[in-house]
C-alpha atoms as a PDB file:
ATOM      1  CA  MET A   1      25.734 -16.787   9.167  1.00  0.00           C
ATOM      2  CA  ALA A   2      24.960 -17.471   5.501  1.00  0.00           C
ATOM      3  CA  LEU A   3      23.287 -14.758   3.457  1.00  0.00           C
ATOM      4  CA  GLN A   4      20.149 -16.865   3.068  1.00  0.00           C
ATOM      5  CA  ASP A   5      19.931 -17.271   6.877  1.00  0.00           C
ATOM      6  CA  GLN A   6      20.334 -13.499   7.361  1.00  0.00           C
ATOM      7  CA  TYR A   7      17.609 -12.847   4.787  1.00  0.00           C
ATOM      8  CA  LEU A   8      15.239 -15.269   6.529  1.00  0.00           C
ATOM      9  CA  GLU A   9      15.979 -13.848   9.979  1.00  0.00           C
ATOM     10  CA  THR A  10      15.295 -10.302   8.719  1.00  0.00           C
ATOM     11  CA  MET A  11      11.983 -11.417   7.188  1.00  0.00           C
ATOM     12  CA  ILE A  12      10.909 -13.072  10.445  1.00  0.00           C
ATOM     13  CA  GLN A  13      11.845  -9.974  12.475  1.00  0.00           C
ATOM     14  CA  ASN A  14       9.925  -7.689  10.067  1.00  0.00           C
ATOM     15  CA  MET A  15       6.912  -9.993   9.842  1.00  0.00           C
ATOM     16  CA  PRO A  16       4.740  -8.403  12.585  1.00  0.00           C
ATOM     17  CA  ASP A  17       5.163  -4.911  11.093  1.00  0.00           C
ATOM     18  CA  LYS A  18       4.741  -6.028   7.478  1.00  0.00           C
ATOM     19  CA  THR A  19       1.971  -8.625   7.912  1.00  0.00           C
ATOM     20  CA  GLY A  20       0.262  -7.786  11.212  1.00  0.00           C
ATOM     21  CA  LYS A  21       1.185 -11.071  12.902  1.00  0.00           C
ATOM     22  CA  SER A  22       4.272 -12.857  14.170  1.00  0.00           C
ATOM     23  CA  LEU A  23       5.469 -16.105  12.605  1.00  0.00           C
ATOM     24  CA  GLU A  24       3.961 -18.137  15.460  1.00  0.00           C
ATOM     25  CA  GLU A  25       0.621 -16.354  15.025  1.00  0.00           C
ATOM     26  CA  TRP A  26       0.653 -17.208  11.292  1.00  0.00           C
ATOM     27  CA  PHE A  27       1.483 -20.820  12.190  1.00  0.00           C
ATOM     28  CA  SER A  28      -1.673 -20.859  14.335  1.00  0.00           C
ATOM     29  CA  VAL A  29      -3.771 -19.503  11.440  1.00  0.00           C
ATOM     30  CA  LEU A  30      -2.412 -22.191   9.111  1.00  0.00           C
ATOM     31  CA  ALA A  31      -2.833 -24.975  11.681  1.00  0.00           C
ATOM     32  CA  GLN A  32      -6.513 -24.046  12.119  1.00  0.00           C
ATOM     33  CA  SER A  33      -7.063 -24.410   8.369  1.00  0.00           C
ATOM     34  CA  ASN A  34      -6.380 -28.166   8.511  1.00  0.00           C
ATOM     35  CA  LEU A  35      -4.817 -27.870   5.039  1.00  0.00           C
ATOM     36  CA  SER A  36      -1.390 -29.167   4.094  1.00  0.00           C
ATOM     37  CA  LYS A  37      -0.726 -28.400   0.438  1.00  0.00           C
ATOM     38  CA  HIS A  38       1.619 -25.515  -0.263  1.00  0.00           C
ATOM     39  CA  GLY A  39      -0.716 -23.811  -2.748  1.00  0.00           C
ATOM     40  CA  GLU A  40      -3.747 -24.058  -0.468  1.00  0.00           C
ATOM     41  CA  LEU A  41      -1.832 -22.546   2.437  1.00  0.00           C
ATOM     42  CA  MET A  42      -0.460 -19.778   0.213  1.00  0.00           C
ATOM     43  CA  LYS A  43      -4.002 -18.961  -0.926  1.00  0.00           C
ATOM     44  CA  ILE A  44      -5.193 -18.566   2.672  1.00  0.00           C
ATOM     45  CA  LEU A  45      -2.413 -16.119   3.488  1.00  0.00           C
ATOM     46  CA  LYS A  46      -2.558 -14.126   0.257  1.00  0.00           C
ATOM     47  CA  ALA A  47      -6.290 -14.071  -0.520  1.00  0.00           C
ATOM     48  CA  ASP A  48      -7.811 -14.177   2.951  1.00  0.00           C
ATOM     49  CA  HIS A  49      -5.188 -12.154   4.857  1.00  0.00           C
ATOM     50  CA  GLY A  50      -3.520  -9.959   2.217  1.00  0.00           C
ATOM     51  CA  VAL A  51      -0.011 -11.259   2.888  1.00  0.00           C
ATOM     52  CA  THR A  52       2.457 -10.541   0.077  1.00  0.00           C
ATOM     53  CA  HIS A  53       3.824 -13.456  -1.941  1.00  0.00           C
ATOM     54  CA  GLY A  54       7.313 -13.345  -0.413  1.00  0.00           C
ATOM     55  CA  PHE A  55       6.115 -13.385   3.184  1.00  0.00           C
ATOM     56  CA  ALA A  56       3.398 -15.966   2.438  1.00  0.00           C
ATOM     57  CA  ASN A  57       5.912 -18.273   0.779  1.00  0.00           C
ATOM     58  CA  THR A  58       8.318 -17.985   3.712  1.00  0.00           C
ATOM     59  CA  ILE A  59       5.573 -18.585   6.286  1.00  0.00           C
ATOM     60  CA  VAL A  60       4.260 -21.644   4.430  1.00  0.00           C
ATOM     61  CA  HIS A  61       7.733 -23.160   3.948  1.00  0.00           C
ATOM     62  CA  LEU A  62       8.557 -22.738   7.638  1.00  0.00           C
ATOM     63  CA  PHE A  63       5.128 -24.015   8.711  1.00  0.00           C
ATOM     64  CA  ARG A  64       5.454 -27.120   6.564  1.00  0.00           C
ATOM     65  CA  GLN A  65       9.008 -27.738   7.811  1.00  0.00           C
ATOM     66  CA  LYS A  66       7.724 -27.571  11.379  1.00  0.00           C
ATOM     67  CA  SER A  67       4.592 -29.644  10.687  1.00  0.00           C
ATOM     68  CA  GLU A  68       5.980 -32.412   8.520  1.00  0.00           C
ATOM     69  CA  PRO A  69       8.362 -35.163   9.532  1.00  0.00           C
ATOM     70  CA  GLN A  70      11.865 -33.821   9.221  1.00  0.00           C
ATOM     71  CA  GLU A  71      13.835 -35.164   6.329  1.00  0.00           C
ATOM     72  CA  GLU A  72      17.372 -34.161   5.544  1.00  0.00           C
ATOM     73  CA  ASP A  73      17.572 -30.587   4.293  1.00  0.00           C
ATOM     74  CA  PRO A  74      17.682 -30.859   0.477  1.00  0.00           C
ATOM     75  CA  ILE A  75      20.303 -28.109   0.199  1.00  0.00           C
ATOM     76  CA  SER A  76      22.597 -29.864   2.670  1.00  0.00           C
ATOM     77  CA  ALA A  77      22.097 -33.126   0.826  1.00  0.00           C
ATOM     78  CA  GLN A  78      22.820 -31.530  -2.560  1.00  0.00           C
ATOM     79  CA  TYR A  79      25.952 -29.722  -1.425  1.00  0.00           C
ATOM     80  CA  GLY A  80      27.328 -32.254   1.026  1.00  0.00           C
ATOM     81  CA  GLY A  81      30.377 -34.449   0.679  1.00  0.00           C
ATOM     82  CA  ALA A  82      32.223 -34.198  -2.632  1.00  0.00           C
ATOM     83  CA  LYS A  83      29.981 -31.314  -3.817  1.00  0.00           C
ATOM     84  CA  ALA A  84      30.583 -29.071  -0.772  1.00  0.00           C
ATOM     85  CA  ALA A  85      32.965 -26.818  -2.715  1.00  0.00           C
ATOM     86  CA  LEU A  86      30.068 -25.915  -5.055  1.00  0.00           C
ATOM     87  CA  PHE A  87      27.943 -24.350  -2.308  1.00  0.00           C
ATOM     88  CA  PRO A  88      29.351 -20.800  -2.823  1.00  0.00           C
ATOM     89  CA  ILE A  89      28.067 -20.939  -6.423  1.00  0.00           C
ATOM     90  CA  TYR A  90      24.576 -21.729  -5.133  1.00  0.00           C
ATOM     91  CA  GLU A  91      24.768 -18.979  -2.489  1.00  0.00           C
ATOM     92  CA  THR A  92      25.849 -16.410  -5.081  1.00  0.00           C
ATOM     93  CA  ILE A  93      22.972 -17.262  -7.426  1.00  0.00           C
ATOM     94  CA  ILE A  94      20.470 -17.078  -4.558  1.00  0.00           C
ATOM     95  CA  SER A  95      21.817 -13.702  -3.430  1.00  0.00           C
ATOM     96  CA  ILE A  96      21.378 -12.388  -6.991  1.00  0.00           C
ATOM     97  CA  VAL A  97      17.766 -13.544  -7.414  1.00  0.00           C
ATOM     98  CA  GLN A  98      16.722 -12.336  -3.963  1.00  0.00           C
ATOM     99  CA  LYS A  99      17.479  -8.797  -5.129  1.00  0.00           C
ATOM    100  CA  TYR A 100      14.833  -9.085  -7.872  1.00  0.00           C
ATOM    101  CA  GLY A 101      11.899  -8.726  -5.483  1.00  0.00           C
ATOM    102  CA  ASP A 102       9.874 -10.433  -2.802  1.00  0.00           C
ATOM    103  CA  ASP A 103       8.013 -12.468  -5.413  1.00  0.00           C
ATOM    104  CA  VAL A 104      10.973 -14.825  -5.909  1.00  0.00           C
ATOM    105  CA  GLU A 105      10.220 -18.281  -4.544  1.00  0.00           C
ATOM    106  CA  ILE A 106      13.192 -20.511  -3.729  1.00  0.00           C
ATOM    107  CA  ALA A 107      11.881 -24.068  -3.747  1.00  0.00           C
ATOM    108  CA  PRO A 108      14.390 -26.817  -2.899  1.00  0.00           C
ATOM    109  CA  LYS A 109      13.690 -30.183  -4.500  1.00  0.00           C
ATOM    110  CA  LYS A 110      15.585 -33.435  -4.006  1.00  0.00           C
ATOM    111  CA  ALA A 111      18.187 -32.872  -6.761  1.00  0.00           C
ATOM    112  CA  TYR A 112      17.914 -29.144  -7.536  1.00  0.00           C
ATOM    113  CA  VAL A 113      16.489 -25.826  -6.357  1.00  0.00           C
ATOM    114  CA  SER A 114      13.662 -24.304  -8.383  1.00  0.00           C
ATOM    115  CA  LEU A 115      13.586 -20.518  -8.730  1.00  0.00           C
ATOM    116  CA  ARG A 116      10.050 -19.332  -9.358  1.00  0.00           C
ATOM    117  CA  ARG A 117       8.054 -16.196  -9.814  1.00  0.00           C
ATOM    118  CA  SER A 118       4.613 -16.783 -11.303  1.00  0.00           C
ATOM    119  CA  LYS A 119       6.304 -19.775 -12.946  1.00  0.00           C
ATOM    120  CA  GLN A 120       9.738 -21.361 -12.803  1.00  0.00           C
ATOM    121  CA  PHE A 121      12.349 -19.163 -14.431  1.00  0.00           C
ATOM    122  CA  ALA A 122      15.494 -21.046 -13.431  1.00  0.00           C
ATOM    123  CA  LEU A 123      16.873 -23.942 -11.458  1.00  0.00           C
ATOM    124  CA  VAL A 124      20.192 -24.565  -9.735  1.00  0.00           C
ATOM    125  CA  GLN A 125      21.564 -28.101  -9.783  1.00  0.00           C
ATOM    126  CA  PRO A 126      24.912 -29.453  -8.621  1.00  0.00           C
ATOM    127  CA  SER A 127      25.310 -31.863 -11.529  1.00  0.00           C
ATOM    128  CA  THR A 128      28.815 -33.164 -10.870  1.00  0.00           C
ATOM    129  CA  LYS A 129      31.326 -32.684  -8.060  1.00  0.00           C
ATOM    130  CA  SER A 130      32.930 -29.903 -10.103  1.00  0.00           C
ATOM    131  CA  ARG A 131      29.954 -28.223 -11.833  1.00  0.00           C
ATOM    132  CA  VAL A 132      26.660 -26.519 -11.050  1.00  0.00           C
ATOM    133  CA  ASP A 133      24.165 -26.294 -13.896  1.00  0.00           C
ATOM    134  CA  LEU A 134      22.021 -23.178 -13.978  1.00  0.00           C
ATOM    135  CA  GLY A 135      18.932 -24.064 -15.968  1.00  0.00           C
ATOM    136  CA  ILE A 136      17.241 -21.055 -17.521  1.00  0.00           C
ATOM    137  CA  SER A 137      13.749 -20.795 -18.982  1.00  0.00           C
ATOM    138  CA  LEU A 138      14.004 -18.606 -22.095  1.00  0.00           C
ATOM    139  CA  LYS A 139      11.909 -20.379 -24.699  1.00  0.00           C
ATOM    140  CA  GLY A 140      12.533 -19.013 -28.196  1.00  0.00           C
ATOM    141  CA  GLN A 141      15.928 -17.554 -27.287  1.00  0.00           C
ATOM    142  CA  ALA A 142      18.864 -18.755 -29.373  1.00  0.00           C
ATOM    143  CA  GLY A 143      21.841 -20.100 -27.445  1.00  0.00           C
ATOM    144  CA  GLU A 144      24.656 -17.584 -27.261  1.00  0.00           C
ATOM    145  CA  GLY A 145      27.795 -17.131 -25.191  1.00  0.00           C
ATOM    146  CA  LYS A 146      27.506 -19.168 -21.993  1.00  0.00           C
ATOM    147  CA  LEU A 147      23.802 -19.797 -22.656  1.00  0.00           C
ATOM    148  CA  GLU A 148      23.532 -23.237 -24.264  1.00  0.00           C
ATOM    149  CA  ALA A 149      20.307 -24.671 -25.659  1.00  0.00           C
ATOM    150  CA  ALA A 150      19.084 -27.522 -23.457  1.00  0.00           C
ATOM    151  CA  LYS A 151      19.271 -31.051 -24.847  1.00  0.00           C
ATOM    152  CA  ASN A 152      15.591 -31.561 -24.013  1.00  0.00           C
ATOM    153  CA  PRO A 153      13.922 -28.196 -24.754  1.00  0.00           C
ATOM    154  CA  ALA A 154      10.494 -29.634 -23.924  1.00  0.00           C
ATOM    155  CA  GLY A 155      11.634 -29.899 -20.291  1.00  0.00           C
ATOM    156  CA  MET A 156      11.301 -27.328 -17.534  1.00  0.00           C
ATOM    157  CA  VAL A 157      14.176 -25.204 -18.817  1.00  0.00           C
ATOM    158  CA  SER A 158      15.167 -24.282 -22.342  1.00  0.00           C
ATOM    159  CA  HIS A 159      18.833 -23.412 -21.723  1.00  0.00           C
ATOM    160  CA  ASN A 160      21.732 -24.325 -19.489  1.00  0.00           C
ATOM    161  CA  ILE A 161      24.752 -22.437 -18.154  1.00  0.00           C
ATOM    162  CA  LYS A 162      27.632 -24.477 -16.726  1.00  0.00           C
ATOM    163  CA  LEU A 163      29.284 -22.985 -13.653  1.00  0.00           C
ATOM    164  CA  MET A 164      32.545 -24.353 -12.285  1.00  0.00           C
ATOM    165  CA  SER A 165      33.257 -21.527  -9.806  1.00  0.00           C
ATOM    166  CA  VAL A 166      31.797 -18.300  -8.441  1.00  0.00           C
ATOM    167  CA  ASP A 167      33.998 -16.459 -10.955  1.00  0.00           C
ATOM    168  CA  ASP A 168      31.874 -17.951 -13.755  1.00  0.00           C
ATOM    169  CA  ILE A 169      28.905 -15.905 -12.504  1.00  0.00           C
ATOM    170  CA  ASP A 170      29.587 -12.746 -14.477  1.00  0.00           C
ATOM    171  CA  GLU A 171      27.501  -9.993 -16.087  1.00  0.00           C
ATOM    172  CA  GLU A 172      26.443 -12.327 -18.894  1.00  0.00           C
ATOM    173  CA  VAL A 173      25.082 -14.926 -16.476  1.00  0.00           C
ATOM    174  CA  GLU A 174      23.308 -12.220 -14.479  1.00  0.00           C
ATOM    175  CA  LYS A 175      21.797 -10.825 -17.710  1.00  0.00           C
ATOM    176  CA  TRP A 176      20.292 -14.211 -18.684  1.00  0.00           C
ATOM    177  CA  LEU A 177      19.004 -14.826 -15.160  1.00  0.00           C
ATOM    178  CA  GLN A 178      17.395 -11.361 -15.022  1.00  0.00           C
ATOM    179  CA  LEU A 179      15.793 -11.871 -18.453  1.00  0.00           C
ATOM    180  CA  ALA A 180      14.333 -15.218 -17.375  1.00  0.00           C
ATOM    181  CA  TYR A 181      12.950 -13.607 -14.193  1.00  0.00           C
ATOM    182  CA  ASP A 182      11.479 -10.706 -16.185  1.00  0.00           C
ATOM    183  CA  ASN A 183       9.768 -13.175 -18.563  1.00  0.00           C
ATOM    184  CA  ALA A 184       8.293 -15.335 -15.765  1.00  0.00           C
END
Protein backbone atom coordinates (compact mmCIF):
# COMPACT_ATOMS: atom_id res chain seq x y z
CA MET A 1 0.00 0.00 0.00
CA ALA A 2 1.38 3.41 -0.97
CA LEU A 3 2.13 5.92 1.77
CA GLN A 4 -0.62 8.23 0.53
CA ASP A 5 -3.15 5.36 0.74
CA GLN A 6 -2.02 4.54 4.30
CA TYR A 7 -2.35 8.21 5.28
CA LEU A 8 -5.88 8.38 3.84
CA GLU A 9 -6.94 5.12 5.49
CA THR A 10 -5.66 6.36 8.87
CA MET A 11 -7.57 9.64 8.47
CA ILE A 12 -10.79 7.78 7.63
CA GLN A 13 -10.37 5.45 10.63
CA ASN A 14 -9.71 8.41 12.98
CA MET A 15 -12.53 10.53 11.54
CA PRO A 16 -15.31 9.59 14.02
CA ASP A 17 -13.08 10.35 17.03
CA LYS A 18 -11.59 13.53 15.56
CA THR A 19 -14.69 14.99 13.87
CA GLY A 20 -17.68 13.36 15.59
CA LYS A 21 -18.95 11.62 12.46
CA SER A 22 -17.91 8.83 10.12
CA LEU A 23 -17.05 9.50 6.48
CA GLU A 24 -20.47 8.25 5.35
CA GLU A 25 -22.19 10.53 7.87
CA TRP A 26 -20.22 13.51 6.51
CA PHE A 27 -21.19 12.47 2.98
CA SER A 28 -24.84 12.68 4.08
CA VAL A 29 -24.31 16.19 5.51
CA LEU A 30 -22.70 17.34 2.26
CA ALA A 31 -25.36 15.69 0.08
CA GLN A 32 -28.11 17.53 2.00
CA SER A 33 -26.42 20.86 1.26
CA ASN A 34 -27.10 20.51 -2.48
CA LEU A 35 -23.79 22.31 -3.11
CA SER A 36 -21.04 21.05 -5.38
CA LYS A 37 -18.15 23.52 -5.35
CA HIS A 38 -15.13 22.51 -3.31
CA GLY A 39 -14.91 25.82 -1.43
CA GLU A 40 -18.60 25.85 -0.54
CA LEU A 41 -18.43 22.31 0.81
CA MET A 42 -15.27 23.11 2.78
CA LYS A 43 -17.02 26.12 4.33
CA ILE A 44 -19.92 23.97 5.53
CA LEU A 45 -17.59 21.52 7.25
CA LYS A 46 -15.20 24.08 8.73
CA ALA A 47 -17.53 26.95 9.65
CA ASP A 48 -20.75 25.12 10.45
CA HIS A 49 -19.31 21.92 11.96
CA GLY A 50 -15.85 22.90 13.24
CA VAL A 51 -14.00 20.30 11.17
CA THR A 52 -10.27 21.01 10.80
CA HIS A 53 -8.91 21.93 7.37
CA GLY A 54 -7.16 18.59 6.77
CA PHE A 55 -10.20 16.46 7.56
CA ALA A 56 -12.56 18.83 5.71
CA ASN A 57 -10.38 18.73 2.61
CA THR A 58 -10.21 14.93 2.67
CA ILE A 59 -13.97 14.58 3.19
CA VAL A 60 -14.77 17.00 0.35
CA HIS A 61 -12.32 15.35 -2.08
CA LEU A 62 -13.76 11.90 -1.37
CA PHE A 63 -17.34 13.19 -1.53
CA ARG A 64 -16.75 14.85 -4.88
CA GLN A 65 -15.00 11.73 -6.23
CA LYS A 66 -18.02 9.67 -5.23
CA SER A 67 -20.58 12.21 -6.48
CA GLU A 68 -19.07 13.23 -9.79
CA PRO A 69 -18.70 11.12 -12.90
CA GLN A 70 -15.49 9.18 -12.59
CA GLU A 71 -12.70 10.35 -14.80
CA GLU A 72 -9.28 8.78 -14.89
CA ASP A 73 -7.33 9.48 -11.71
CA PRO A 74 -5.08 12.46 -12.54
CA ILE A 75 -2.13 10.96 -10.65
CA SER A 76 -2.39 7.70 -12.57
CA ALA A 77 -2.64 9.62 -15.82
CA GLN A 78 0.37 11.80 -14.97
CA TYR A 79 2.59 8.91 -13.91
CA GLY A 80 1.43 6.25 -16.34
CA GLY A 81 3.28 4.79 -19.28
CA ALA A 82 6.69 6.29 -20.00
CA LYS A 83 6.56 8.45 -16.83
CA ALA A 84 5.88 5.56 -14.41
CA ALA A 85 9.48 5.55 -13.17
CA LEU A 86 8.95 9.12 -11.88
CA PHE A 87 6.20 8.15 -9.43
CA PRO A 88 8.61 7.53 -6.49
CA ILE A 89 9.73 11.18 -6.80
CA TYR A 90 6.11 12.30 -6.45
CA GLU A 91 5.51 9.95 -3.50
CA THR A 92 8.61 11.23 -1.70
CA ILE A 93 7.58 14.88 -2.09
CA ILE A 94 4.06 14.11 -0.85
CA SER A 95 5.41 12.23 2.18
CA ILE A 96 7.57 15.26 3.04
CA VAL A 97 4.76 17.84 2.83
CA GLN A 98 2.30 15.67 4.75
CA LYS A 99 4.60 15.97 7.76
CA TYR A 100 4.15 19.76 7.79
CA GLY A 101 0.64 19.62 9.25
CA ASP A 102 -2.97 18.80 8.54
CA ASP A 103 -3.43 22.10 6.71
CA VAL A 104 -1.61 20.82 3.61
CA GLU A 105 -4.00 20.36 0.71
CA ILE A 106 -2.91 18.02 -2.08
CA ALA A 107 -4.93 19.00 -5.14
CA PRO A 108 -4.36 16.94 -8.30
CA LYS A 109 -4.94 18.80 -11.55
CA LYS A 110 -4.77 17.42 -15.08
CA ALA A 111 -1.02 18.00 -15.63
CA TYR A 112 0.33 18.60 -12.11
CA VAL A 113 -0.45 18.37 -8.40
CA SER A 114 -0.93 21.62 -6.49
CA LEU A 115 0.34 21.75 -2.91
CA ARG A 116 -1.60 24.34 -0.93
CA ARG A 117 -1.90 25.75 2.52
CA SER A 118 -3.78 29.05 2.65
CA LYS A 119 -2.42 29.48 -0.88
CA GLN A 120 -0.40 27.36 -3.28
CA PHE A 121 3.17 26.97 -2.10
CA ALA A 122 4.39 24.36 -4.58
CA LEU A 123 3.40 22.10 -7.43
CA VAL A 124 4.70 18.75 -8.65
CA GLN A 125 4.71 18.13 -12.40
CA PRO A 126 6.14 15.25 -14.40
CA SER A 127 7.44 17.43 -17.22
CA THR A 128 9.30 14.85 -19.29
CA LYS A 129 9.67 11.07 -19.09
CA SER A 130 12.90 11.59 -17.16
CA ARG A 131 12.18 14.69 -15.01
CA VAL A 132 9.75 15.97 -12.41
CA ASP A 133 9.62 19.73 -11.94
CA LEU A 134 8.98 20.95 -8.42
CA GLY A 135 7.58 24.44 -8.73
CA ILE A 136 8.11 26.55 -5.64
CA SER A 137 6.43 29.81 -4.68
CA LEU A 138 9.11 32.03 -3.10
CA LYS A 139 8.55 35.45 -4.61
CA GLY A 140 11.48 37.78 -3.97
CA GLN A 141 13.93 34.94 -3.34
CA ALA A 142 17.01 34.87 -5.56
CA GLY A 143 17.71 31.61 -7.35
CA GLU A 144 20.46 29.63 -5.67
CA GLY A 145 21.73 26.07 -5.77
CA LYS A 146 19.02 23.80 -7.18
CA LEU A 147 16.44 26.60 -6.90
CA GLU A 148 16.17 28.21 -10.34
CA ALA A 149 14.15 31.34 -11.05
CA ALA A 150 11.09 30.47 -13.14
CA LYS A 151 11.01 31.63 -16.75
CA ASN A 152 7.60 33.22 -16.15
CA PRO A 153 7.78 34.65 -12.61
CA ALA A 154 4.29 36.14 -12.96
CA GLY A 155 2.92 32.58 -12.99
CA MET A 156 1.80 30.46 -10.06
CA VAL A 157 5.35 29.64 -8.97
CA SER A 158 8.45 31.79 -8.86
CA HIS A 159 11.09 29.04 -8.90
CA ASN A 160 11.68 25.56 -10.22
CA ILE A 161 13.72 22.58 -9.02
CA LYS A 162 14.44 19.80 -11.53
CA LEU A 163 14.31 16.28 -10.10
CA MET A 164 15.54 13.29 -12.07
CA SER A 165 15.45 10.75 -9.21
CA VAL A 166 14.50 10.39 -5.55
CA ASP A 167 18.18 10.97 -4.73
CA ASP A 168 17.80 14.55 -6.00
CA ILE A 169 15.44 15.26 -3.08
CA ASP A 170 18.05 16.26 -0.53
CA GLU A 171 18.24 18.66 2.42
CA GLU A 172 18.42 21.65 0.07
CA VAL A 173 15.20 20.68 -1.71
CA GLU A 174 13.49 20.03 1.63
CA LYS A 175 14.67 23.45 2.90
CA TRP A 176 13.11 25.30 -0.08
CA LEU A 177 9.89 23.31 0.18
CA GLN A 178 9.62 24.00 3.93
CA LEU A 179 10.29 27.72 3.37
CA ALA A 180 7.57 27.91 0.72
CA TYR A 181 5.13 26.14 3.08
CA ASP A 182 6.06 28.48 5.95
CA ASN A 183 5.45 31.52 3.70
CA ALA A 184 2.05 30.30 2.43
